[in-house]
């Protein structure tokens, strides 16, 4: 999956400029993005502050790590189960 060349803080700043009254066309021109991208960002990040974005990013990282741990433990459990059934 492609990553954005803009940080989440930059995206929120652009959305705040739009709320303040700057024309969407002008924001898109300065950031060199399409209006479709802007409205996709608006749909995803509207109403979030920078602190909430940081917390969301931290929760996503923690969730990714926990999913990895669950996958490792599931694999260990499966290996143990297979070794027990072959020994009997």
C-alpha atoms as a PDB file:
ATOM      1  CA  UNK A   1       0.000   0.000   0.000  1.00  0.00           C
ATOM      2  CA  UNK A   2       1.327   3.433  -0.916  1.00  0.00           C
ATOM      3  CA  UNK A   3       2.140   5.833   1.838  1.00  0.00           C
ATOM      4  CA  UNK A   4       1.336   9.497   1.678  1.00  0.00           C
ATOM      5  CA  UNK A   5       4.113  12.013   1.252  1.00  0.00           C
ATOM      6  CA  UNK A   6       2.235  14.186   3.741  1.00  0.00           C
ATOM      7  CA  UNK A   7       2.241  13.633   7.469  1.00  0.00           C
ATOM      8  CA  UNK A   8      -1.027  13.430   9.328  1.00  0.00           C
ATOM      9  CA  UNK A   9      -0.229  16.770  10.964  1.00  0.00           C
ATOM     10  CA  UNK A  10       0.108  18.394   7.526  1.00  0.00           C
ATOM     11  CA  UNK A  11      -3.206  16.905   6.466  1.00  0.00           C
ATOM     12  CA  UNK A  12      -4.966  18.229   9.571  1.00  0.00           C
ATOM     13  CA  UNK A  13      -3.395  21.645   9.006  1.00  0.00           C
ATOM     14  CA  UNK A  14      -4.739  21.710   5.445  1.00  0.00           C
ATOM     15  CA  UNK A  15      -8.200  20.791   6.716  1.00  0.00           C
ATOM     16  CA  UNK A  16      -8.016  23.545   9.322  1.00  0.00           C
ATOM     17  CA  UNK A  17      -7.153  26.069   6.590  1.00  0.00           C
ATOM     18  CA  UNK A  18     -10.264  24.962   4.708  1.00  0.00           C
ATOM     19  CA  UNK A  19     -12.354  25.418   7.850  1.00  0.00           C
ATOM     20  CA  UNK A  20     -10.911  28.905   8.256  1.00  0.00           C
ATOM     21  CA  UNK A  21     -12.206  29.881   4.841  1.00  0.00           C
ATOM     22  CA  UNK A  22      -9.365  29.223   2.418  1.00  0.00           C
ATOM     23  CA  UNK A  23     -10.681  27.888  -0.880  1.00  0.00           C
ATOM     24  CA  UNK A  24     -10.189  24.165  -1.403  1.00  0.00           C
ATOM     25  CA  UNK A  25      -8.802  24.827  -4.873  1.00  0.00           C
ATOM     26  CA  UNK A  26      -6.075  27.038  -3.399  1.00  0.00           C
ATOM     27  CA  UNK A  27      -5.141  24.464  -0.779  1.00  0.00           C
ATOM     28  CA  UNK A  28      -4.969  21.745  -3.417  1.00  0.00           C
ATOM     29  CA  UNK A  29      -2.813  23.905  -5.649  1.00  0.00           C
ATOM     30  CA  UNK A  30      -0.305  24.741  -2.894  1.00  0.00           C
ATOM     31  CA  UNK A  31      -0.071  21.133  -1.680  1.00  0.00           C
ATOM     32  CA  UNK A  32      -0.076  19.768  -5.236  1.00  0.00           C
ATOM     33  CA  UNK A  33      -2.929  17.336  -4.609  1.00  0.00           C
ATOM     34  CA  UNK A  34      -6.251  16.722  -6.306  1.00  0.00           C
ATOM     35  CA  UNK A  35      -9.578  17.755  -4.860  1.00  0.00           C
ATOM     36  CA  UNK A  36     -10.481  14.079  -4.618  1.00  0.00           C
ATOM     37  CA  UNK A  37      -7.532  13.527  -2.307  1.00  0.00           C
ATOM     38  CA  UNK A  38      -8.525  16.525  -0.220  1.00  0.00           C
ATOM     39  CA  UNK A  39     -12.086  15.278   0.252  1.00  0.00           C
ATOM     40  CA  UNK A  40     -10.830  11.776   1.033  1.00  0.00           C
ATOM     41  CA  UNK A  41      -8.648  13.305   3.751  1.00  0.00           C
ATOM     42  CA  UNK A  42     -11.598  15.310   4.978  1.00  0.00           C
ATOM     43  CA  UNK A  43     -13.714  12.178   5.242  1.00  0.00           C
ATOM     44  CA  UNK A  44     -10.990  10.373   7.175  1.00  0.00           C
ATOM     45  CA  UNK A  45      -9.531  13.085   9.415  1.00  0.00           C
ATOM     46  CA  UNK A  46     -12.240  15.733   9.827  1.00  0.00           C
ATOM     47  CA  UNK A  47     -12.697  16.750  13.433  1.00  0.00           C
ATOM     48  CA  UNK A  48      -9.468  15.192  14.688  1.00  0.00           C
ATOM     49  CA  UNK A  49      -6.837  17.290  16.388  1.00  0.00           C
ATOM     50  CA  UNK A  50      -3.114  16.684  16.298  1.00  0.00           C
ATOM     51  CA  UNK A  51      -3.107  15.091  19.754  1.00  0.00           C
ATOM     52  CA  UNK A  52      -5.908  12.725  18.762  1.00  0.00           C
ATOM     53  CA  UNK A  53      -3.977  11.765  15.618  1.00  0.00           C
ATOM     54  CA  UNK A  54      -0.889  10.958  17.676  1.00  0.00           C
ATOM     55  CA  UNK A  55      -2.982   8.834  20.022  1.00  0.00           C
ATOM     56  CA  UNK A  56      -4.588   7.055  17.058  1.00  0.00           C
ATOM     57  CA  UNK A  57      -1.167   6.337  15.550  1.00  0.00           C
ATOM     58  CA  UNK A  58       0.085   5.008  18.890  1.00  0.00           C
ATOM     59  CA  UNK A  59      -2.963   2.741  19.229  1.00  0.00           C
ATOM     60  CA  UNK A  60      -2.490   1.427  15.687  1.00  0.00           C
ATOM     61  CA  UNK A  61       1.171   0.599  16.404  1.00  0.00           C
ATOM     62  CA  UNK A  62       0.238  -1.146  19.636  1.00  0.00           C
ATOM     63  CA  UNK A  63      -2.514  -3.090  17.858  1.00  0.00           C
ATOM     64  CA  UNK A  64      -0.052  -4.188  15.144  1.00  0.00           C
ATOM     65  CA  UNK A  65       2.401  -5.453  17.785  1.00  0.00           C
ATOM     66  CA  UNK A  66      -0.329  -7.318  19.662  1.00  0.00           C
ATOM     67  CA  UNK A  67      -1.542  -8.980  16.463  1.00  0.00           C
ATOM     68  CA  UNK A  68       2.015 -10.174  15.838  1.00  0.00           C
ATOM     69  CA  UNK A  69       2.216 -11.605  19.342  1.00  0.00           C
ATOM     70  CA  UNK A  70      -1.088 -13.426  18.902  1.00  0.00           C
ATOM     71  CA  UNK A  71       0.109 -14.876  15.597  1.00  0.00           C
ATOM     72  CA  UNK A  72       3.348 -16.108  17.194  1.00  0.00           C
ATOM     73  CA  UNK A  73       1.533 -17.655  20.142  1.00  0.00           C
ATOM     74  CA  UNK A  74      -0.988 -19.330  17.859  1.00  0.00           C
ATOM     75  CA  UNK A  75       1.834 -20.834  15.823  1.00  0.00           C
ATOM     76  CA  UNK A  76       3.578 -22.077  18.991  1.00  0.00           C
ATOM     77  CA  UNK A  77       0.334 -23.625  20.209  1.00  0.00           C
ATOM     78  CA  UNK A  78      -0.177 -25.388  16.883  1.00  0.00           C
ATOM     79  CA  UNK A  79       3.369 -26.767  16.892  1.00  0.00           C
ATOM     80  CA  UNK A  80       2.977 -28.062  20.466  1.00  0.00           C
ATOM     81  CA  UNK A  81      -0.345 -29.652  19.609  1.00  0.00           C
ATOM     82  CA  UNK A  82       1.192 -31.425  16.582  1.00  0.00           C
ATOM     83  CA  UNK A  83       4.140 -32.733  18.589  1.00  0.00           C
ATOM     84  CA  UNK A  84       1.822 -34.079  21.285  1.00  0.00           C
ATOM     85  CA  UNK A  85      -0.348 -35.925  18.788  1.00  0.00           C
ATOM     86  CA  UNK A  86       2.632 -37.517  17.010  1.00  0.00           C
ATOM     87  CA  UNK A  87       4.192 -38.790  20.272  1.00  0.00           C
ATOM     88  CA  UNK A  88       1.055 -40.647  21.344  1.00  0.00           C
END
